[in-house]
Protein backbone atom coordinates (compact mmCIF):
# COMPACT_ATOMS: atom_id res chain seq x y z
CA MET A 1 127.99 82.60 61.75
CA ALA A 2 124.40 83.75 61.71
CA ASP A 3 123.63 86.97 63.52
CA SER A 4 122.13 87.25 66.84
CA SER A 5 118.65 88.30 66.05
CA ALA A 6 117.62 85.01 64.49
CA VAL A 7 115.70 82.83 66.93
CA VAL A 8 114.97 79.16 66.47
CA GLN A 9 111.45 77.84 66.73
CA ALA A 10 111.43 76.80 70.35
CA THR A 11 109.73 77.66 73.57
CA GLY A 12 111.00 79.22 76.79
CA PHE A 13 114.68 79.99 77.10
CA ARG A 14 115.41 77.36 74.43
CA ALA A 15 114.36 80.09 71.99
CA VAL A 16 117.61 81.89 72.82
CA THR A 17 120.35 80.83 70.41
CA ARG A 18 123.85 79.75 71.41
CA TYR A 19 125.27 82.86 69.80
CA GLN A 20 122.93 85.08 71.80
CA TRP A 21 124.11 83.39 74.99
CA LEU A 22 127.70 83.99 73.88
CA VAL A 23 127.08 87.72 73.49
CA PHE A 24 125.34 87.72 76.86
CA LEU A 25 128.39 86.02 78.39
CA VAL A 26 130.81 88.53 76.88
CA VAL A 27 128.84 91.58 78.01
CA TRP A 28 128.13 90.06 81.43
CA LEU A 29 131.77 89.12 82.04
CA GLY A 30 132.92 92.54 80.89
CA TRP A 31 130.50 94.30 83.22
CA THR A 32 131.33 91.95 86.11
CA LEU A 33 135.06 92.53 85.94
CA ASP A 34 134.45 96.18 85.13
CA ALA A 35 132.49 96.58 88.38
CA ALA A 36 135.09 94.57 90.29
CA ASP A 37 137.85 96.88 89.07
CA PHE A 38 135.86 99.99 89.91
CA GLY A 39 134.87 98.60 93.29
CA LEU A 40 138.49 97.96 94.20
CA PHE A 41 138.90 101.70 94.58
CA SER A 42 136.35 102.09 97.36
CA LEU A 43 137.72 99.02 99.14
CA VAL A 44 141.25 100.41 99.36
CA LEU A 45 140.35 104.11 99.53
CA LYS A 46 141.07 104.51 103.24
CA PRO A 47 144.42 102.63 103.37
CA ALA A 48 145.58 104.14 100.05
CA LEU A 49 144.90 107.71 101.15
CA THR A 50 146.30 107.02 104.61
CA GLU A 51 149.63 106.17 102.95
CA LEU A 52 149.57 108.78 100.19
CA LEU A 53 148.62 111.58 102.61
CA GLY A 54 151.18 110.45 105.21
CA PHE A 55 148.67 109.68 107.98
CA PRO A 56 149.49 107.19 110.77
CA THR A 57 148.37 103.66 109.96
CA THR A 58 147.84 102.35 113.50
CA ALA A 59 146.15 105.19 115.40
CA ALA A 60 142.63 106.52 114.89
CA LEU A 61 142.42 109.61 112.69
CA ASP A 62 141.77 112.95 114.37
CA PRO A 63 138.87 115.16 113.13
CA GLY A 64 141.14 117.20 110.85
CA GLN A 65 142.62 114.11 109.23
CA LEU A 66 139.17 112.58 108.85
CA ALA A 67 137.93 115.74 107.11
CA LEU A 68 140.95 115.74 104.75
CA LEU A 69 140.39 112.06 104.03
CA GLY A 70 136.79 112.82 103.15
CA LYS A 71 137.71 115.76 100.91
CA THR A 72 140.53 113.97 99.06
CA GLY A 73 138.60 110.71 98.72
CA GLY A 74 135.62 112.63 97.40
CA LEU A 75 137.79 114.39 94.80
CA LEU A 76 139.29 111.09 93.63
CA ALA A 77 135.85 109.50 93.47
CA MET A 78 134.59 112.48 91.48
CA THR A 79 137.53 112.10 89.09
CA GLY A 80 136.72 108.46 88.41
CA LEU A 81 133.03 109.16 87.95
CA LEU A 82 133.75 112.01 85.54
CA GLY A 83 135.88 109.60 83.54
CA TRP A 84 133.01 107.12 83.61
CA ALA A 85 130.59 109.81 82.42
CA PHE A 86 132.71 111.05 79.53
CA GLY A 87 133.75 107.52 78.59
CA GLY A 88 130.16 106.36 78.27
CA PHE A 89 129.20 109.40 76.18
CA PHE A 90 132.16 109.45 73.78
CA PHE A 91 132.32 105.69 73.31
CA GLY A 92 128.56 105.68 72.78
CA ILE A 93 129.03 108.02 69.82
CA ILE A 94 131.90 105.89 68.56
CA ALA A 95 129.77 102.73 68.86
CA ASP A 96 126.96 104.33 66.84
CA TYR A 97 129.42 105.02 64.01
CA ILE A 98 132.13 102.33 63.95
CA GLY A 99 130.19 99.55 65.68
CA ARG A 100 129.48 98.14 69.13
CA VAL A 101 132.12 95.40 69.06
CA ARG A 102 135.15 97.53 68.18
CA ALA A 103 134.18 100.15 70.76
CA LEU A 104 133.81 97.39 73.36
CA VAL A 105 137.31 96.08 72.67
CA PHE A 106 138.86 99.53 73.11
CA SER A 107 137.01 100.14 76.38
CA ILE A 108 138.04 96.83 77.98
CA ALA A 109 141.70 97.41 77.14
CA LEU A 110 141.58 100.92 78.55
CA TYR A 111 140.14 100.16 81.97
CA SER A 112 142.24 97.00 82.43
CA VAL A 113 145.56 98.78 81.98
CA PHE A 114 144.79 101.92 83.95
CA THR A 115 143.16 100.16 86.89
CA ALA A 116 146.41 98.23 87.36
CA LEU A 117 148.47 101.42 87.03
CA GLN A 118 146.72 102.88 90.08
CA GLY A 119 148.73 100.40 92.13
CA LEU A 120 151.93 102.21 91.03
CA SER A 121 150.77 105.63 92.23
CA HIS A 122 153.31 107.79 94.10
CA GLY A 123 150.92 110.56 95.07
CA VAL A 124 147.36 111.80 94.87
CA TRP A 125 147.83 113.54 91.50
CA ASP A 126 149.05 110.57 89.45
CA PHE A 127 146.49 108.42 91.27
CA ALA A 128 143.79 110.83 90.02
CA ILE A 129 145.06 110.68 86.42
CA TYR A 130 145.03 106.88 86.36
CA ARG A 131 141.61 106.97 88.02
CA PHE A 132 140.14 109.25 85.35
CA ILE A 133 141.46 107.22 82.40
CA ALA A 134 140.34 103.93 83.98
CA GLY A 135 136.94 105.57 84.43
CA LEU A 136 136.78 106.34 80.71
CA GLY A 137 137.03 102.65 79.90
CA THR A 138 134.79 101.55 82.76
CA GLY A 139 131.98 103.88 81.75
CA ALA A 140 132.29 102.89 78.12
CA GLU A 141 132.11 99.10 78.58
CA LEU A 142 128.57 98.91 79.93
CA MET A 143 127.19 101.75 77.80
CA VAL A 144 128.38 99.94 74.67
CA GLY A 145 127.49 96.48 75.96
CA ILE A 146 123.85 97.37 76.70
CA PRO A 147 122.87 98.20 73.09
CA LEU A 148 124.98 95.31 71.79
CA LEU A 149 123.08 92.83 73.95
CA ALA A 150 119.66 94.44 73.40
CA GLU A 151 120.08 94.34 69.62
CA THR A 152 121.35 90.77 69.73
CA LEU A 153 118.52 89.27 71.77
CA GLY A 154 115.04 88.44 70.57
CA GLU A 155 111.97 90.12 72.01
CA THR A 156 110.57 87.35 74.21
CA HIS A 157 113.20 87.19 76.96
CA ARG A 158 115.16 90.39 76.37
CA ALA A 159 114.14 92.08 79.64
CA LYS A 160 114.88 89.02 81.77
CA ILE A 161 118.25 88.28 80.15
CA ALA A 162 119.30 91.94 80.16
CA ALA A 163 118.43 92.14 83.86
CA VAL A 164 120.49 89.03 84.58
CA MET A 165 123.39 90.60 82.67
CA MET A 166 123.26 93.54 85.06
CA THR A 167 123.99 91.22 87.98
CA GLY A 168 127.59 91.73 86.93
CA GLY A 169 127.49 95.04 88.79
CA ALA A 170 126.77 93.39 92.13
CA LEU A 171 128.73 90.20 91.37
CA GLY A 172 131.73 92.32 90.43
CA THR A 173 131.47 94.16 93.74
CA PHE A 174 131.25 90.77 95.48
CA ILE A 175 134.31 89.48 93.61
CA GLY A 176 136.18 92.68 94.42
CA ALA A 177 135.32 92.29 98.12
CA TRP A 178 136.36 88.62 98.02
CA ALA A 179 139.65 89.50 96.29
CA TYR A 180 140.20 92.28 98.81
CA GLY A 181 139.77 89.75 101.61
CA LEU A 182 142.46 87.58 100.01
CA VAL A 183 144.93 90.23 98.91
CA GLY A 184 144.09 93.31 101.00
CA GLY A 185 146.28 92.19 103.88
CA TYR A 186 149.36 92.45 101.63
CA GLY A 187 148.71 96.11 100.86
CA TRP A 188 146.38 98.25 98.76
CA ARG A 189 148.70 98.33 95.73
CA TYR A 190 148.42 94.60 95.13
CA VAL A 191 144.64 94.91 95.03
CA PHE A 192 144.79 97.23 92.02
CA PHE A 193 147.11 94.87 90.14
CA LEU A 194 144.17 92.48 89.86
CA GLY A 195 142.73 94.95 87.34
CA VAL A 196 144.51 93.31 84.41
CA ALA A 197 142.09 90.36 84.52
CA PRO A 198 139.40 91.88 82.22
CA ALA A 199 141.89 92.05 79.36
CA LEU A 200 141.45 88.28 78.98
CA ILE A 201 137.96 88.91 77.58
CA LEU A 202 139.48 90.65 74.57
CA MET A 203 140.48 87.36 72.99
CA LEU A 204 136.86 86.14 73.13
CA VAL A 205 135.37 89.40 71.87
CA ARG A 206 137.70 89.86 68.92
CA ARG A 207 137.23 86.33 67.56
CA ARG A 208 133.61 85.42 68.19
CA VAL A 209 131.34 88.47 68.48
CA MET A 210 129.88 90.27 65.45
CA GLU A 211 127.86 93.42 64.91
CA PRO A 212 124.09 92.88 65.34
CA ASP A 213 121.71 93.14 62.39
CA HIS A 214 120.16 96.31 63.85
CA PHE A 215 123.46 98.17 63.57
CA ASN A 216 124.36 96.66 60.19
CA ALA A 217 121.06 97.95 58.79
CA VAL A 218 121.86 101.46 60.04
CA ARG A 219 125.35 101.31 58.57
CA GLN A 220 124.02 100.16 55.19
CA ARG A 221 121.45 102.96 55.13
CA ARG A 222 124.15 105.54 55.89
CA VAL A 223 126.26 104.23 53.03
CA ALA A 224 123.29 104.35 50.66
CA VAL A 225 122.31 107.91 51.63
CA ASN A 226 125.91 109.10 51.35
CA SER A 227 126.03 107.66 47.83
CA GLY A 228 123.06 109.82 46.83
CA GLN A 229 120.19 107.35 47.20
CA GLN A 230 116.95 108.36 48.86
CA ILE A 231 115.88 105.66 51.32
CA ALA A 232 113.09 107.42 53.21
CA HIS A 233 111.53 110.85 53.69
CA ASP A 234 113.49 111.41 56.93
CA ASP A 235 116.96 110.81 55.48
CA HIS A 236 118.08 114.29 56.54
CA LYS A 237 117.18 113.70 60.19
CA PHE A 238 118.63 110.20 60.06
CA MET A 239 122.00 111.55 58.91
CA GLN A 240 122.24 114.30 61.52
CA PHE A 241 125.15 114.14 63.93
CA VAL A 242 123.97 111.49 66.36
CA PRO A 243 124.12 113.54 69.63
CA LEU A 244 121.94 116.22 68.03
CA GLN A 245 119.24 113.64 67.30
CA LEU A 246 118.73 113.18 71.04
CA PHE A 247 117.12 116.62 71.14
CA THR A 248 114.72 116.28 68.24
CA ALA A 249 110.98 116.30 68.86
CA GLU A 250 110.91 112.51 68.59
CA ASN A 251 113.63 111.85 71.19
CA LEU A 252 113.74 114.83 73.56
CA ARG A 253 111.24 113.50 76.09
CA SER A 254 112.99 110.13 76.25
CA THR A 255 116.33 111.90 76.70
CA ILE A 256 115.00 113.86 79.69
CA VAL A 257 113.46 110.71 81.18
CA GLY A 258 116.74 108.82 80.81
CA MET A 259 118.70 111.64 82.44
CA LEU A 260 116.33 111.86 85.42
CA PHE A 261 116.37 108.08 85.87
CA GLY A 262 120.16 108.07 85.74
CA LEU A 263 120.35 110.98 88.16
CA GLY A 264 118.13 109.39 90.81
CA SER A 265 119.65 105.91 90.67
CA LEU A 266 123.26 107.13 90.57
CA LEU A 267 122.93 109.71 93.34
CA ALA A 268 121.34 107.06 95.54
CA ILE A 269 124.14 104.53 95.09
CA TRP A 270 127.43 106.29 94.50
CA THR A 271 127.82 107.82 97.92
CA THR A 272 127.23 104.36 99.34
CA ASN A 273 129.48 102.67 96.79
CA ILE A 274 132.38 104.97 97.58
CA TRP A 275 131.96 105.36 101.33
CA LEU A 276 130.34 102.10 102.54
CA PRO A 277 133.69 100.33 103.16
CA THR A 278 134.81 103.35 105.19
CA ILE A 279 131.48 103.39 107.05
CA LEU A 280 131.80 99.67 107.81
CA SER A 281 135.35 100.09 109.10
CA LEU A 282 134.26 102.97 111.34
CA MET A 283 131.25 100.98 112.62
CA VAL A 284 133.37 97.98 113.64
CA GLN A 285 135.98 100.34 115.04
CA LYS A 286 133.42 101.28 117.69
CA SER A 287 133.81 97.71 118.94
CA GLY A 288 137.58 98.09 119.16
CA ILE A 289 138.36 96.39 115.84
CA SER A 290 140.67 98.28 113.47
CA GLY A 291 143.50 97.89 110.96
CA ALA A 292 143.96 94.47 109.38
CA ASP A 293 141.53 92.96 111.89
CA ALA A 294 138.71 95.02 110.34
CA VAL A 295 139.32 93.65 106.81
CA PRO A 296 137.14 90.51 107.23
CA PHE A 297 134.21 92.58 108.54
CA VAL A 298 134.43 95.08 105.69
CA SER A 299 134.82 92.29 103.14
CA HIS A 300 131.86 90.35 104.56
CA GLY A 301 129.66 93.45 104.68
CA ILE A 302 130.32 94.34 101.06
CA MET A 303 129.79 90.75 99.94
CA ILE A 304 126.35 90.36 101.56
CA TRP A 305 125.37 93.79 100.24
CA SER A 306 126.37 92.60 96.78
CA LEU A 307 124.51 89.30 97.12
CA GLY A 308 121.33 91.25 97.80
CA GLY A 309 122.08 93.27 94.69
CA ILE A 310 122.46 90.16 92.54
CA ALA A 311 118.98 89.03 93.57
CA GLY A 312 117.62 92.52 92.91
CA TYR A 313 119.06 92.63 89.40
CA ILE A 314 117.60 89.24 88.45
CA VAL A 315 114.14 89.82 89.88
CA PHE A 316 113.86 93.21 88.13
CA GLY A 317 113.42 91.66 84.68
CA PHE A 318 110.62 89.34 85.81
CA ILE A 319 108.76 92.14 87.61
CA ALA A 320 109.24 94.43 84.60
CA ASP A 321 107.64 91.85 82.30
CA LEU A 322 104.79 91.42 84.77
CA LEU A 323 104.03 94.97 86.00
CA GLY A 324 105.77 97.09 83.39
CA ARG A 325 109.05 99.01 83.29
CA ARG A 326 107.82 102.19 84.99
CA ALA A 327 106.15 100.53 87.98
CA THR A 328 109.22 98.37 88.58
CA ILE A 329 111.61 101.33 88.62
CA ALA A 330 109.30 103.17 91.04
CA LEU A 331 109.11 100.11 93.32
CA TYR A 332 112.89 99.75 93.47
CA SER A 333 113.37 103.47 94.13
CA ILE A 334 110.97 103.39 97.08
CA GLY A 335 112.77 100.33 98.44
CA THR A 336 116.12 102.13 98.13
CA MET A 337 114.90 105.07 100.20
CA ALA A 338 113.29 102.89 102.87
CA ALA A 339 116.17 100.43 103.34
CA GLY A 340 118.87 103.11 103.03
CA GLY A 341 117.12 105.30 105.59
CA VAL A 342 116.99 102.45 108.12
CA LEU A 343 120.59 101.38 107.48
CA TYR A 344 122.23 104.78 107.76
CA LEU A 345 119.91 106.95 109.84
CA TYR A 346 118.52 104.47 112.36
CA LEU A 347 121.19 101.85 113.10
CA SER A 348 124.04 102.91 115.40
CA ALA A 349 126.04 99.66 115.64
CA TYR A 350 127.20 96.97 113.24
CA GLN A 351 125.69 94.08 115.17
CA PRO A 352 123.12 92.65 114.96
CA TRP A 353 121.12 94.49 112.27
CA TYR A 354 123.70 95.72 109.72
CA PRO A 355 124.27 92.24 108.21
CA ILE A 356 120.48 91.86 107.88
CA ILE A 357 119.63 95.24 106.33
CA LEU A 358 122.66 95.37 104.00
CA PRO A 359 121.40 92.70 101.52
CA ILE A 360 117.89 94.23 101.55
CA PHE A 361 119.36 97.62 100.72
CA GLY A 362 121.57 96.00 98.06
CA PHE A 363 118.52 94.34 96.47
CA PHE A 364 116.91 97.71 95.72
CA VAL A 365 119.82 100.11 95.25
CA PHE A 366 121.66 97.78 92.87
CA GLY A 367 118.61 96.18 91.25
CA THR A 368 117.20 99.43 89.88
CA PHE A 369 120.14 99.56 87.47
CA SER A 370 118.62 96.71 85.50
CA GLY A 371 116.38 99.48 84.18
CA PHE A 372 119.42 100.84 82.33
CA ALA A 373 119.59 97.63 80.28
CA VAL A 374 115.83 97.01 80.07
CA TYR A 375 114.13 100.42 79.81
CA LEU A 376 116.66 102.78 78.20
CA PRO A 377 117.29 100.77 74.98
CA GLU A 378 113.54 100.57 74.42
CA LEU A 379 113.20 104.36 74.41
CA PHE A 380 115.50 105.09 71.43
CA PRO A 381 115.95 103.98 67.78
CA THR A 382 119.01 102.02 66.69
CA GLN A 383 121.01 104.84 65.07
CA VAL A 384 121.20 106.77 68.37
CA ARG A 385 120.82 103.96 70.92
CA ALA A 386 124.42 103.68 72.15
CA THR A 387 124.83 107.47 72.21
CA ALA A 388 121.50 107.84 74.06
CA VAL A 389 122.39 105.27 76.72
CA GLY A 390 125.83 106.82 77.13
CA PHE A 391 124.57 110.41 77.17
CA THR A 392 121.62 109.99 79.52
CA THR A 393 123.63 108.05 82.07
CA GLY A 394 126.84 109.99 81.38
CA SER A 395 125.28 113.41 81.87
CA ALA A 396 123.74 112.12 85.09
CA ARG A 397 127.17 110.85 86.14
CA ILE A 398 128.72 114.27 85.57
CA ILE A 399 126.26 115.65 88.11
CA THR A 400 126.50 112.69 90.47
CA SER A 401 130.31 112.69 90.27
CA PHE A 402 130.16 115.58 92.71
CA GLY A 403 128.06 113.45 95.09
CA PRO A 404 130.92 111.60 96.88
CA LEU A 405 132.88 114.88 97.10
CA VAL A 406 129.89 116.75 98.53
CA ALA A 407 129.26 113.83 100.88
CA GLY A 408 132.89 113.92 102.03
CA LEU A 409 132.69 117.67 102.64
CA LEU A 410 129.38 117.32 104.51
CA VAL A 411 130.84 114.83 106.97
CA SER A 412 132.12 117.66 109.19
CA THR A 413 128.67 119.30 109.07
CA PHE A 414 126.56 116.24 109.87
CA GLY A 415 129.15 114.51 112.02
CA SER A 416 129.26 111.14 110.23
CA PHE A 417 129.46 109.44 106.86
CA ASN A 418 126.32 107.48 107.81
CA LYS A 419 123.98 110.47 107.89
CA VAL A 420 125.25 111.88 104.61
CA ALA A 421 124.90 108.51 102.84
CA GLY A 422 121.40 108.13 104.28
CA TYR A 423 120.22 111.52 103.03
CA PHE A 424 121.62 110.82 99.55
CA CYS A 425 119.49 107.66 99.32
CA PHE A 426 116.37 109.84 99.22
CA LEU A 427 117.53 111.39 95.93
CA ALA A 428 116.11 108.23 94.30
CA LEU A 429 113.01 110.44 94.06
CA PHE A 430 114.40 111.64 90.70
CA SER A 431 113.89 108.13 89.29
CA ILE A 432 110.25 108.18 90.37
CA ILE A 433 109.78 111.54 88.63
CA ALA A 434 111.39 110.03 85.51
CA VAL A 435 108.94 107.16 85.20
CA LEU A 436 106.00 109.46 85.86
CA LEU A 437 107.11 111.45 82.79
CA GLY A 438 108.20 108.49 80.66
CA ARG A 439 106.18 106.21 78.42
CA GLU A 440 105.63 102.52 79.13
CA THR A 441 107.62 100.30 76.74
CA LYS A 442 106.45 96.87 77.90
CA ASP A 443 105.36 94.83 74.84
CA SER A 444 106.42 97.66 72.48
CA GLY A 445 109.50 95.94 71.04
CA LEU A 446 112.93 97.38 70.40
CA PRO A 447 112.65 100.43 68.11
CA ARG A 448 114.41 100.13 64.77
């Protein structure tokens, strides 16, 4: 089968080959189910901790129990995000040495098995262990999939198609919310058992997807240099341990830009991603709706938030091709702060405005992540691309992993999850700083 990068002589999206669409489908499905698995945690966080901590399931929690729920939930969220951070970084290195496809297979298997195992947890500690290992695979899948797709696609529609691929993040959250609406009434453990579904992708990946020409060229050059041949004047730098190359004069600025972009976008969303279901349940509880009766409201809220995100992901690629990568990231960051501020700091009841503002907020706070697939691969050469994407977002995740914990601890200070989540939205300012420092890559092509 011919490799990805070959494009037939055609116009529009007909210039994208069937094989390129296949790779898109594999990466998109992996990211969709990946996000669904990870989103299952936030959807069942409250009932799972209520059982594991021995809290009453029918009465409202007292302030002390609410504070403990926030602290424990924040610690578990931090554990998963740390797994995501380290998974993206280590699998990125692996992908730059053994190949994108093999690393992708390992990551999918890892997060499928350990997401399901969370449903067998007997206490907080084993729950945390399963959460961390599932996070390793979750973080790895997208960080490996992004360079695989970028190197497979041609130049003309790469930004648009990569942005559409990122819809898996919001679609996965939507699917998770839909599945929660179907299964959540039977108990939180059954929700986690749905995590085995991504393993089905392995059959497609192992049989049909090949390494892109970009990576094969790097691998061939490494073999030639190791055999004593001189390929170019920079062979020594080319053969350096890949993570060290991120801090060379050629790549350092891009590394800092990627870290700041990751920091701003992740801080803005993760507090919401972890605590929004809890916030929704508390908002509807003010109207006297609780327990199983609150499930449809929480499910509906997360689904319309996710639908806004799907639109935001798709539109990002078109705006990025029109206005440039930097302006688009700045636009989405400003939208995140504005919509998040209204949602969390201004609204005091679920009806009538929450269902209206939620998809607008989702459009911006989700959509900015298309920049991970569009902008980051264009900043780095092939031999470090997977490591760079994994490191810049992974190092940001290590910092942001403390966000849900800090948010949970701050609940007692600010008096509500809403205020804390609202203030965290304004940390999207880091993404604006990133694009002010970064270079524009529109029309520059994917570096070799």
